[in-house]
Amino acid sequence: MTDRSEEGRPQRPSRKFREGLVVGVDMDRTSVVAVVERVQHRRYAKTVQRTKKLYVHDQGNDARVGDRVRVAETRPLSKLKRWRLVEVLERAR
């Protein structure tokens, strides 16, 4: 059973959004963004940080290393790129 809109078409699930730090801009129209996730250890219940590197499509090459950015999930754009740059939240100093 899927949710359906008023027109009868199945609704697409909402896109995921993440915030992270730009760690690489060496490629053309691509940035590498490190997203930190805090999770609780299953056995010891201590909070641990897990870092995931996302390859992000940056159409205008706006991002610089050190910027905080918001990215959105999108269709596959290349072998590794599955995210696109939404906005630059804070510029690097």
PDB file of N, CA and C in Angstrom:
ATOM      1  N   MET A   1       0.827  -1.173   0.000  1.00  0.00           N
ATOM      2  CA  MET A   1       0.000   0.000   0.000  1.00  0.00           C
ATOM      3  C   MET A   1       0.874   1.240   0.000  1.00  0.00           C
ATOM      4  N   THR A   2       0.741   2.040  -1.025  1.00  0.00           N
ATOM      5  CA  THR A   2       1.512   3.278  -1.089  1.00  0.00           C
ATOM      6  C   THR A   2       0.572   4.460  -0.922  1.00  0.00           C
ATOM      7  N   ASP A   3       1.135   5.550  -0.433  1.00  0.00           N
ATOM      8  CA  ASP A   3       0.362   6.780  -0.336  1.00  0.00           C
ATOM      9  C   ASP A   3       0.133   7.320  -1.736  1.00  0.00           C
ATOM     10  N   ARG A   4      -1.057   7.786  -1.991  1.00  0.00           N
ATOM     11  CA  ARG A   4      -1.361   8.322  -3.310  1.00  0.00           C
ATOM     12  C   ARG A   4      -1.847   9.761  -3.174  1.00  0.00           C
ATOM     13  N   SER A   5      -1.453  10.566  -4.131  1.00  0.00           N
ATOM     14  CA  SER A   5      -1.907  11.949  -4.133  1.00  0.00           C
ATOM     15  C   SER A   5      -3.335  11.989  -4.669  1.00  0.00           C
ATOM     16  N   GLU A   6      -3.915  13.169  -4.700  1.00  0.00           N
ATOM     17  CA  GLU A   6      -5.304  13.308  -5.136  1.00  0.00           C
ATOM     18  C   GLU A   6      -5.511  12.891  -6.579  1.00  0.00           C
ATOM     19  N   GLU A   7      -4.477  13.011  -7.424  1.00  0.00           N
ATOM     20  CA  GLU A   7      -4.607  12.661  -8.830  1.00  0.00           C
ATOM     21  C   GLU A   7      -4.517  11.159  -9.050  1.00  0.00           C
ATOM     22  N   GLY A   8      -4.110  10.402  -8.035  1.00  0.00           N
ATOM     23  CA  GLY A   8      -4.018   8.968  -8.179  1.00  0.00           C
ATOM     24  C   GLY A   8      -2.621   8.453  -8.439  1.00  0.00           C
ATOM     25  N   ARG A   9      -1.651   9.379  -8.628  1.00  0.00           N
ATOM     26  CA  ARG A   9      -0.277   8.937  -8.836  1.00  0.00           C
ATOM     27  C   ARG A   9       0.360   8.621  -7.492  1.00  0.00           C
ATOM     28  N   PRO A  10       1.253   7.621  -7.461  1.00  0.00           N
ATOM     29  CA  PRO A  10       1.947   7.355  -6.191  1.00  0.00           C
ATOM     30  C   PRO A  10       2.853   8.516  -5.821  1.00  0.00           C
ATOM     31  N   GLN A  11       2.903   8.841  -4.542  1.00  0.00           N
ATOM     32  CA  GLN A  11       3.738   9.947  -4.085  1.00  0.00           C
ATOM     33  C   GLN A  11       5.173   9.488  -3.941  1.00  0.00           C
ATOM     34  N   ARG A  12       6.090  10.352  -4.338  1.00  0.00           N
ATOM     35  CA  ARG A  12       7.510  10.081  -4.193  1.00  0.00           C
ATOM     36  C   ARG A  12       7.910  10.387  -2.755  1.00  0.00           C
ATOM     37  N   PRO A  13       8.723   9.530  -2.119  1.00  0.00           N
ATOM     38  CA  PRO A  13       9.161   9.839  -0.754  1.00  0.00           C
ATOM     39  C   PRO A  13       9.984  11.121  -0.725  1.00  0.00           C
ATOM     40  N   SER A  14       9.937  11.817   0.387  1.00  0.00           N
ATOM     41  CA  SER A  14      10.633  13.098   0.476  1.00  0.00           C
ATOM     42  C   SER A  14      12.148  12.894   0.418  1.00  0.00           C
ATOM     43  N   ARG A  15      12.833  13.907  -0.085  1.00  0.00           N
ATOM     44  CA  ARG A  15      14.283  13.851  -0.235  1.00  0.00           C
ATOM     45  C   ARG A  15      14.966  14.012   1.120  1.00  0.00           C
ATOM     46  N   LYS A  16      16.110  13.375   1.264  1.00  0.00           N
ATOM     47  CA  LYS A  16      16.902  13.529   2.482  1.00  0.00           C
ATOM     48  C   LYS A  16      17.778  14.769   2.349  1.00  0.00           C
ATOM     49  N   PHE A  17      17.973  15.455   3.452  1.00  0.00           N
ATOM     50  CA  PHE A  17      18.858  16.616   3.507  1.00  0.00           C
ATOM     51  C   PHE A  17      19.907  16.363   4.568  1.00  0.00           C
ATOM     52  N   ARG A  18      21.132  16.807   4.318  1.00  0.00           N
ATOM     53  CA  ARG A  18      22.226  16.666   5.275  1.00  0.00           C
ATOM     54  C   ARG A  18      23.012  17.966   5.309  1.00  0.00           C
ATOM     55  N   GLU A  19      23.681  18.203   6.443  1.00  0.00           N
ATOM     56  CA  GLU A  19      24.581  19.338   6.572  1.00  0.00           C
ATOM     57  C   GLU A  19      25.969  18.803   6.860  1.00  0.00           C
ATOM     58  N   GLY A  20      26.972  19.411   6.218  1.00  0.00           N
ATOM     59  CA  GLY A  20      28.332  18.929   6.428  1.00  0.00           C
ATOM     60  C   GLY A  20      29.363  19.969   6.068  1.00  0.00           C
ATOM     61  N   LEU A  21      30.615  19.554   6.158  1.00  0.00           N
ATOM     62  CA  LEU A  21      31.761  20.413   5.916  1.00  0.00           C
ATOM     63  C   LEU A  21      32.430  19.990   4.622  1.00  0.00           C
ATOM     64  N   VAL A  22      32.723  20.961   3.761  1.00  0.00           N
ATOM     65  CA  VAL A  22      33.391  20.653   2.496  1.00  0.00           C
ATOM     66  C   VAL A  22      34.849  20.321   2.786  1.00  0.00           C
ATOM     67  N   VAL A  23      35.292  19.142   2.318  1.00  0.00           N
ATOM     68  CA  VAL A  23      36.673  18.717   2.555  1.00  0.00           C
ATOM     69  C   VAL A  23      37.473  18.603   1.260  1.00  0.00           C
ATOM     70  N   GLY A  24      36.815  18.713   0.117  1.00  0.00           N
ATOM     71  CA  GLY A  24      37.540  18.632  -1.142  1.00  0.00           C
ATOM     72  C   GLY A  24      36.785  19.289  -2.278  1.00  0.00           C
ATOM     73  N   VAL A  25      37.529  20.022  -3.129  1.00  0.00           N
ATOM     74  CA  VAL A  25      36.923  20.679  -4.296  1.00  0.00           C
ATOM     75  C   VAL A  25      37.821  20.527  -5.518  1.00  0.00           C
ATOM     76  N   ASP A  26      38.564  19.437  -5.592  1.00  0.00           N
ATOM     77  CA  ASP A  26      39.545  19.261  -6.658  1.00  0.00           C
ATOM     78  C   ASP A  26      38.925  18.938  -8.014  1.00  0.00           C
ATOM     79  N   MET A  27      37.690  18.438  -8.023  1.00  0.00           N
ATOM     80  CA  MET A  27      37.044  18.050  -9.280  1.00  0.00           C
ATOM     81  C   MET A  27      36.170  19.188  -9.805  1.00  0.00           C
ATOM     82  N   ASP A  28      35.875  19.160 -11.091  1.00  0.00           N
ATOM     83  CA  ASP A  28      35.023  20.177 -11.699  1.00  0.00           C
ATOM     84  C   ASP A  28      33.568  19.866 -11.392  1.00  0.00           C
ATOM     85  N   ARG A  29      32.842  20.828 -10.827  1.00  0.00           N
ATOM     86  CA  ARG A  29      31.426  20.713 -10.471  1.00  0.00           C
ATOM     87  C   ARG A  29      31.138  19.589  -9.481  1.00  0.00           C
ATOM     88  N   THR A  30      32.143  19.205  -8.706  1.00  0.00           N
ATOM     89  CA  THR A  30      31.963  18.180  -7.681  1.00  0.00           C
ATOM     90  C   THR A  30      32.697  18.590  -6.420  1.00  0.00           C
ATOM     91  N   SER A  31      32.038  18.425  -5.285  1.00  0.00           N
ATOM     92  CA  SER A  31      32.662  18.678  -3.995  1.00  0.00           C
ATOM     93  C   SER A  31      32.525  17.422  -3.149  1.00  0.00           C
ATOM     94  N   VAL A  32      33.452  17.258  -2.218  1.00  0.00           N
ATOM     95  CA  VAL A  32      33.370  16.162  -1.261  1.00  0.00           C
ATOM     96  C   VAL A  32      32.992  16.777   0.076  1.00  0.00           C
ATOM     97  N   VAL A  33      31.883  16.287   0.654  1.00  0.00           N
ATOM     98  CA  VAL A  33      31.361  16.839   1.896  1.00  0.00           C
ATOM     99  C   VAL A  33      31.400  15.755   2.973  1.00  0.00           C
ATOM    100  N   ALA A  34      31.975  16.085   4.129  1.00  0.00           N
ATOM    101  CA  ALA A  34      32.023  15.155   5.259  1.00  0.00           C
ATOM    102  C   ALA A  34      30.838  15.446   6.173  1.00  0.00           C
ATOM    103  N   VAL A  35      30.004  14.433   6.366  1.00  0.00           N
ATOM    104  CA  VAL A  35      28.832  14.558   7.232  1.00  0.00           C
ATOM    105  C   VAL A  35      29.095  13.745   8.489  1.00  0.00           C
ATOM    106  N   VAL A  36      28.986  14.392   9.649  1.00  0.00           N
ATOM    107  CA  VAL A  36      29.227  13.725  10.925  1.00  0.00           C
ATOM    108  C   VAL A  36      27.895  13.306  11.517  1.00  0.00           C
ATOM    109  N   GLU A  37      27.824  12.025  11.887  1.00  0.00           N
ATOM    110  CA  GLU A  37      26.604  11.486  12.500  1.00  0.00           C
ATOM    111  C   GLU A  37      26.962  11.014  13.900  1.00  0.00           C
ATOM    112  N   ARG A  38      26.182  11.407  14.882  1.00  0.00           N
ATOM    113  CA  ARG A  38      26.419  10.962  16.258  1.00  0.00           C
ATOM    114  C   ARG A  38      25.431   9.848  16.566  1.00  0.00           C
ATOM    115  N   VAL A  39      25.970   8.685  16.911  1.00  0.00           N
ATOM    116  CA  VAL A  39      25.119   7.535  17.236  1.00  0.00           C
ATOM    117  C   VAL A  39      25.555   6.968  18.572  1.00  0.00           C
ATOM    118  N   GLN A  40      24.671   6.241  19.192  1.00  0.00           N
ATOM    119  CA  GLN A  40      24.969   5.633  20.475  1.00  0.00           C
ATOM    120  C   GLN A  40      25.481   4.217  20.262  1.00  0.00           C
ATOM    121  N   HIS A  41      26.585   3.886  20.911  1.00  0.00           N
ATOM    122  CA  HIS A  41      27.144   2.553  20.805  1.00  0.00           C
ATOM    123  C   HIS A  41      26.152   1.537  21.364  1.00  0.00           C
ATOM    124  N   ARG A  42      25.984   0.426  20.646  1.00  0.00           N
ATOM    125  CA  ARG A  42      24.956  -0.543  21.041  1.00  0.00           C
ATOM    126  C   ARG A  42      25.221  -1.172  22.403  1.00  0.00           C
ATOM    127  N   ARG A  43      26.465  -1.509  22.669  1.00  0.00           N
ATOM    128  CA  ARG A  43      26.754  -2.183  23.939  1.00  0.00           C
ATOM    129  C   ARG A  43      27.068  -1.196  25.054  1.00  0.00           C
ATOM    130  N   TYR A  44      27.913  -0.222  24.782  1.00  0.00           N
ATOM    131  CA  TYR A  44      28.425   0.632  25.849  1.00  0.00           C
ATOM    132  C   TYR A  44      27.640   1.926  26.018  1.00  0.00           C
ATOM    133  N   ALA A  45      26.704   2.188  25.147  1.00  0.00           N
ATOM    134  CA  ALA A  45      25.817   3.352  25.240  1.00  0.00           C
ATOM    135  C   ALA A  45      26.574   4.679  25.227  1.00  0.00           C
ATOM    136  N   LYS A  46      27.817   4.661  24.755  1.00  0.00           N
ATOM    137  CA  LYS A  46      28.575   5.895  24.637  1.00  0.00           C
ATOM    138  C   LYS A  46      28.296   6.497  23.258  1.00  0.00           C
ATOM    139  N   THR A  47      28.225   7.823  23.190  1.00  0.00           N
ATOM    140  CA  THR A  47      27.991   8.485  21.915  1.00  0.00           C
ATOM    141  C   THR A  47      29.284   8.512  21.119  1.00  0.00           C
ATOM    142  N   VAL A  48      29.224   8.006  19.890  1.00  0.00           N
ATOM    143  CA  VAL A  48      30.394   7.991  19.021  1.00  0.00           C
ATOM    144  C   VAL A  48      30.061   8.745  17.737  1.00  0.00           C
ATOM    145  N   GLN A  49      31.101   9.292  17.091  1.00  0.00           N
ATOM    146  CA  GLN A  49      30.910  10.029  15.853  1.00  0.00           C
ATOM    147  C   GLN A  49      31.280   9.147  14.679  1.00  0.00           C
ATOM    148  N   ARG A  50      30.435   9.154  13.661  1.00  0.00           N
ATOM    149  CA  ARG A  50      30.733   8.456  12.422  1.00  0.00           C
ATOM    150  C   ARG A  50      30.730   9.481  11.306  1.00  0.00           C
ATOM    151  N   THR A  51      31.784   9.478  10.500  1.00  0.00           N
ATOM    152  CA  THR A  51      31.902  10.429   9.406  1.00  0.00           C
ATOM    153  C   THR A  51      31.663   9.718   8.090  1.00  0.00           C
ATOM    154  N   LYS A  52      30.843  10.325   7.241  1.00  0.00           N
ATOM    155  CA  LYS A  52      30.544   9.775   5.923  1.00  0.00           C
ATOM    156  C   LYS A  52      30.915  10.838   4.895  1.00  0.00           C
ATOM    157  N   LYS A  53      31.643  10.442   3.853  1.00  0.00           N
ATOM    158  CA  LYS A  53      31.991  11.369   2.781  1.00  0.00           C
ATOM    159  C   LYS A  53      30.969  11.237   1.663  1.00  0.00           C
ATOM    160  N   LEU A  54      30.366  12.358   1.283  1.00  0.00           N
ATOM    161  CA  LEU A  54      29.381  12.380   0.207  1.00  0.00           C
ATOM    162  C   LEU A  54      29.960  13.151  -0.977  1.00  0.00           C
ATOM    163  N   TYR A  55      29.757  12.620  -2.168  1.00  0.00           N
ATOM    164  CA  TYR A  55      30.152  13.331  -3.382  1.00  0.00           C
ATOM    165  C   TYR A  55      28.950  14.149  -3.840  1.00  0.00           C
ATOM    166  N   VAL A  56      29.153  15.461  -3.960  1.00  0.00           N
ATOM    167  CA  VAL A  56      28.051  16.407  -4.148  1.00  0.00           C
ATOM    168  C   VAL A  56      28.218  17.139  -5.470  1.00  0.00           C
ATOM    169  N   HIS A  57      27.121  17.257  -6.231  1.00  0.00           N
ATOM    170  CA  HIS A  57      27.136  18.022  -7.472  1.00  0.00           C
ATOM    171  C   HIS A  57      27.028  19.503  -7.136  1.00  0.00           C
ATOM    172  N   ASP A  58      28.022  20.270  -7.578  1.00  0.00           N
ATOM    173  CA  ASP A  58      28.106  21.711  -7.306  1.00  0.00           C
ATOM    174  C   ASP A  58      28.193  22.415  -8.654  1.00  0.00           C
ATOM    175  N   GLN A  59      27.045  22.758  -9.220  1.00  0.00           N
ATOM    176  CA  GLN A  59      26.961  23.264 -10.586  1.00  0.00           C
ATOM    177  C   GLN A  59      27.837  24.486 -10.830  1.00  0.00           C
ATOM    178  N   GLY A  60      27.841  25.434  -9.916  1.00  0.00           N
ATOM    179  CA  GLY A  60      28.593  26.672 -10.137  1.00  0.00           C
ATOM    180  C   GLY A  60      29.957  26.695  -9.485  1.00  0.00           C
ATOM    181  N   ASN A  61      30.438  25.583  -8.975  1.00  0.00           N
ATOM    182  CA  ASN A  61      31.697  25.527  -8.234  1.00  0.00           C
ATOM    183  C   ASN A  61      31.722  26.587  -7.133  1.00  0.00           C
ATOM    184  N   ASP A  62      30.616  26.705  -6.392  1.00  0.00           N
ATOM    185  CA  ASP A  62      30.484  27.726  -5.351  1.00  0.00           C
ATOM    186  C   ASP A  62      31.198  27.363  -4.063  1.00  0.00           C
ATOM    187  N   ALA A  63      31.244  26.094  -3.722  1.00  0.00           N
ATOM    188  CA  ALA A  63      31.771  25.666  -2.427  1.00  0.00           C
ATOM    189  C   ALA A  63      33.293  25.743  -2.391  1.00  0.00           C
ATOM    190  N   ARG A  64      33.812  26.079  -1.219  1.00  0.00           N
ATOM    191  CA  ARG A  64      35.250  26.101  -0.966  1.00  0.00           C
ATOM    192  C   ARG A  64      35.529  25.197   0.234  1.00  0.00           C
ATOM    193  N   VAL A  65      36.758  24.747   0.347  1.00  0.00           N
ATOM    194  CA  VAL A  65      37.119  23.878   1.468  1.00  0.00           C
ATOM    195  C   VAL A  65      36.888  24.620   2.784  1.00  0.00           C
ATOM    196  N   GLY A  66      36.200  23.977   3.710  1.00  0.00           N
ATOM    197  CA  GLY A  66      35.916  24.577   5.011  1.00  0.00           C
ATOM    198  C   GLY A  66      34.518  25.147   5.133  1.00  0.00           C
ATOM    199  N   ASP A  67      33.796  25.294   4.014  1.00  0.00           N
ATOM    200  CA  ASP A  67      32.425  25.816   4.060  1.00  0.00           C
ATOM    201  C   ASP A  67      31.481  24.802   4.688  1.00  0.00           C
ATOM    202  N   ARG A  68      30.492  25.304   5.425  1.00  0.00           N
ATOM    203  CA  ARG A  68      29.401  24.445   5.897  1.00  0.00           C
ATOM    204  C   ARG A  68      28.290  24.529   4.871  1.00  0.00           C
ATOM    205  N   VAL A  69      27.796  23.386   4.396  1.00  0.00           N
ATOM    206  CA  VAL A  69      26.815  23.370   3.320  1.00  0.00           C
ATOM    207  C   VAL A  69      25.654  22.450   3.654  1.00  0.00           C
ATOM    208  N   ARG A  70      24.541  22.675   2.969  1.00  0.00           N
ATOM    209  CA  ARG A  70      23.379  21.780   3.041  1.00  0.00           C
ATOM    210  C   ARG A  70      23.268  21.087   1.690  1.00  0.00           C
ATOM    211  N   VAL A  71      23.085  19.760   1.713  1.00  0.00           N
ATOM    212  CA  VAL A  71      22.983  18.980   0.485  1.00  0.00           C
ATOM    213  C   VAL A  71      21.672  18.197   0.503  1.00  0.00           C
ATOM    214  N   ALA A  72      21.188  17.866  -0.694  1.00  0.00           N
ATOM    215  CA  ALA A  72      19.941  17.119  -0.833  1.00  0.00           C
ATOM    216  C   ALA A  72      20.188  15.874  -1.674  1.00  0.00           C
ATOM    217  N   GLU A  73      19.493  14.827  -1.333  1.00  0.00           N
ATOM    218  CA  GLU A  73      19.576  13.587  -2.090  1.00  0.00           C
ATOM    219  C   GLU A  73      18.960  13.795  -3.469  1.00  0.00           C
ATOM    220  N   THR A  74      19.545  13.161  -4.480  1.00  0.00           N
ATOM    221  CA  THR A  74      19.031  13.300  -5.834  1.00  0.00           C
ATOM    222  C   THR A  74      19.271  12.002  -6.590  1.00  0.00           C
ATOM    223  N   ARG A  75      18.857  11.977  -7.842  1.00  0.00           N
ATOM    224  CA  ARG A  75      19.067  10.779  -8.660  1.00  0.00           C
ATOM    225  C   ARG A  75      20.557  10.589  -8.888  1.00  0.00           C
ATOM    226  N   PRO A  76      20.997   9.389  -9.245  1.00  0.00           N
ATOM    227  CA  PRO A  76      22.424   9.192  -9.511  1.00  0.00           C
ATOM    228  C   PRO A  76      22.900  10.074 -10.668  1.00  0.00           C
ATOM    229  N   LEU A  77      23.943  10.866 -10.414  1.00  0.00           N
ATOM    230  CA  LEU A  77      24.491  11.760 -11.423  1.00  0.00           C
ATOM    231  C   LEU A  77      25.773  11.200 -12.026  1.00  0.00           C
ATOM    232  N   SER A  78      26.444  10.306 -11.313  1.00  0.00           N
ATOM    233  CA  SER A  78      27.637   9.631 -11.814  1.00  0.00           C
ATOM    234  C   SER A  78      27.815   8.379 -10.964  1.00  0.00           C
ATOM    235  N   LYS A  79      28.973   7.763 -11.084  1.00  0.00           N
ATOM    236  CA  LYS A  79      29.228   6.529 -10.340  1.00  0.00           C
ATOM    237  C   LYS A  79      29.092   6.734  -8.830  1.00  0.00           C
ATOM    238  N   LEU A  80      29.559   7.877  -8.328  1.00  0.00           N
ATOM    239  CA  LEU A  80      29.551   8.130  -6.887  1.00  0.00           C
ATOM    240  C   LEU A  80      28.616   9.252  -6.451  1.00  0.00           C
ATOM    241  N   LYS A  81      28.269  10.166  -7.358  1.00  0.00           N
ATOM    242  CA  LYS A  81      27.475  11.347  -6.963  1.00  0.00           C
ATOM    243  C   LYS A  81      25.998  11.009  -6.850  1.00  0.00           C
ATOM    244  N   ARG A  82      25.459  11.209  -5.643  1.00  0.00           N
ATOM    245  CA  ARG A  82      24.036  10.988  -5.380  1.00  0.00           C
ATOM    246  C   ARG A  82      23.421  12.172  -4.633  1.00  0.00           C
ATOM    247  N   TRP A  83      24.166  13.265  -4.506  1.00  0.00           N
ATOM    248  CA  TRP A  83      23.724  14.428  -3.742  1.00  0.00           C
ATOM    249  C   TRP A  83      23.980  15.685  -4.557  1.00  0.00           C
ATOM    250  N   ARG A  84      23.228  16.753  -4.264  1.00  0.00           N
ATOM    251  CA  ARG A  84      23.439  18.033  -4.927  1.00  0.00           C
ATOM    252  C   ARG A  84      23.492  19.131  -3.867  1.00  0.00           C
ATOM    253  N   LEU A  85      24.242  20.173  -4.180  1.00  0.00           N
ATOM    254  CA  LEU A  85      24.400  21.287  -3.257  1.00  0.00           C
ATOM    255  C   LEU A  85      23.131  22.136  -3.256  1.00  0.00           C
ATOM    256  N   VAL A  86      22.580  22.384  -2.071  1.00  0.00           N
ATOM    257  CA  VAL A  86      21.392  23.221  -1.940  1.00  0.00           C
ATOM    258  C   VAL A  86      21.792  24.653  -1.622  1.00  0.00           C
ATOM    259  N   GLU A  87      22.618  24.809  -0.575  1.00  0.00           N
ATOM    260  CA  GLU A  87      23.058  26.153  -0.199  1.00  0.00           C
ATOM    261  C   GLU A  87      24.325  26.086   0.632  1.00  0.00           C
ATOM    262  N   VAL A  88      25.058  27.195   0.620  1.00  0.00           N
ATOM    263  CA  VAL A  88      26.222  27.349   1.499  1.00  0.00           C
ATOM    264  C   VAL A  88      25.731  28.050   2.754  1.00  0.00           C
ATOM    265  N   LEU A  89      25.826  27.370   3.883  1.00  0.00           N
ATOM    266  CA  LEU A  89      25.311  27.923   5.130  1.00  0.00           C
ATOM    267  C   LEU A  89      26.293  28.903   5.764  1.00  0.00           C
ATOM    268  N   GLU A  90      27.580  28.560   5.704  1.00  0.00           N
ATOM    269  CA  GLU A  90      28.595  29.404   6.346  1.00  0.00           C
ATOM    270  C   GLU A  90      29.893  29.278   5.570  1.00  0.00           C
ATOM    271  N   ARG A  91      30.487  30.400   5.245  1.00  0.00           N
ATOM    272  CA  ARG A  91      31.752  30.417   4.515  1.00  0.00           C
ATOM    273  C   ARG A  91      32.917  30.145   5.454  1.00  0.00           C
ATOM    274  N   ALA A  92      33.964  29.523   4.911  1.00  0.00           N
ATOM    275  CA  ALA A  92      35.176  29.281   5.699  1.00  0.00           C
ATOM    276  C   ALA A  92      35.861  30.611   5.990  1.00  0.00           C
ATOM    277  N   ARG A  93      36.523  30.679   7.102  1.00  0.00           N
ATOM    278  CA  ARG A  93      37.203  31.924   7.489  1.00  0.00           C
ATOM    279  C   ARG A  93      38.615  31.949   7.008  1.00  0.00           C
TER     280      ARG A  93
END
